[in-house]
Amino acid sequence: MSLKIELVSSETELYRLAEDVGERNDLAKKEPKKTRELLQTLNKWVKETGRK
């Protein structure tokens, strides 16, 4: 699964890249729990590493 964040628009997108390499089927609205979980993991990693 891949989480994609558009920094300009602040939109979050979620894709299963193994099945959707072209990123055509955004699952963020269908799987909000997984989207939040991955976003929280990303935010934690950014905070811990100082990455932007």
Protein backbone atom coordinates (compact mmCIF):
# COMPACT_ATOMS: atom_id res chain seq x y z
CA MET A 1 0.00 0.00 0.00
CA SER A 2 1.23 3.49 -0.77
CA LEU A 3 0.26 6.78 0.81
CA LYS A 4 0.59 9.84 -1.41
CA ILE A 5 0.26 13.39 -0.09
CA GLU A 6 -0.07 16.41 -2.35
CA LEU A 7 1.71 19.17 -0.45
CA VAL A 8 0.20 21.94 -2.55
CA SER A 9 -3.40 20.87 -2.00
CA SER A 10 -2.91 18.92 1.28
CA GLU A 11 -4.88 16.01 -0.16
CA THR A 12 -4.05 12.47 0.87
CA GLU A 13 -4.37 9.58 -1.56
CA LEU A 14 -4.03 5.87 -0.91
CA TYR A 15 -3.15 3.21 -3.50
CA ARG A 16 -2.35 -0.50 -3.58
CA LEU A 17 0.62 -0.23 -5.89
CA ALA A 18 0.96 -3.99 -6.32
CA GLU A 19 -2.46 -3.94 -8.00
CA ASP A 20 -2.65 -0.33 -9.23
CA VAL A 21 0.74 0.76 -10.54
CA GLY A 22 -0.82 3.63 -12.50
CA GLU A 23 -2.37 5.09 -9.31
CA ARG A 24 -5.87 5.21 -10.84
CA ASN A 25 -7.95 3.90 -7.91
CA ASP A 26 -7.64 6.21 -4.87
CA LEU A 27 -8.66 4.23 -1.78
CA ALA A 28 -8.37 7.07 0.77
CA LYS A 29 -12.13 7.56 1.10
CA LYS A 30 -12.89 3.83 0.99
CA GLU A 31 -10.28 3.02 3.64
CA PRO A 32 -10.12 6.08 5.94
CA LYS A 33 -8.81 4.09 8.92
CA LYS A 34 -5.82 2.78 6.95
CA THR A 35 -5.24 6.24 5.47
CA ARG A 36 -5.14 7.82 8.97
CA GLU A 37 -2.88 5.03 10.26
CA LEU A 38 -0.35 5.50 7.47
CA LEU A 39 -0.47 9.29 7.77
CA GLN A 40 0.17 9.05 11.53
CA THR A 41 3.11 6.71 10.88
CA LEU A 42 4.52 9.14 8.32
CA ASN A 43 4.09 12.14 10.64
CA LYS A 44 5.80 10.26 13.47
CA TRP A 45 8.72 9.38 11.19
CA VAL A 46 9.03 13.01 10.00
CA LYS A 47 9.08 14.23 13.60
CA GLU A 48 11.64 11.64 14.71
CA THR A 49 14.01 12.16 11.79
CA GLY A 50 13.54 15.88 11.20
CA ARG A 51 12.72 15.17 7.55
CA LYS A 52 10.44 17.43 5.55
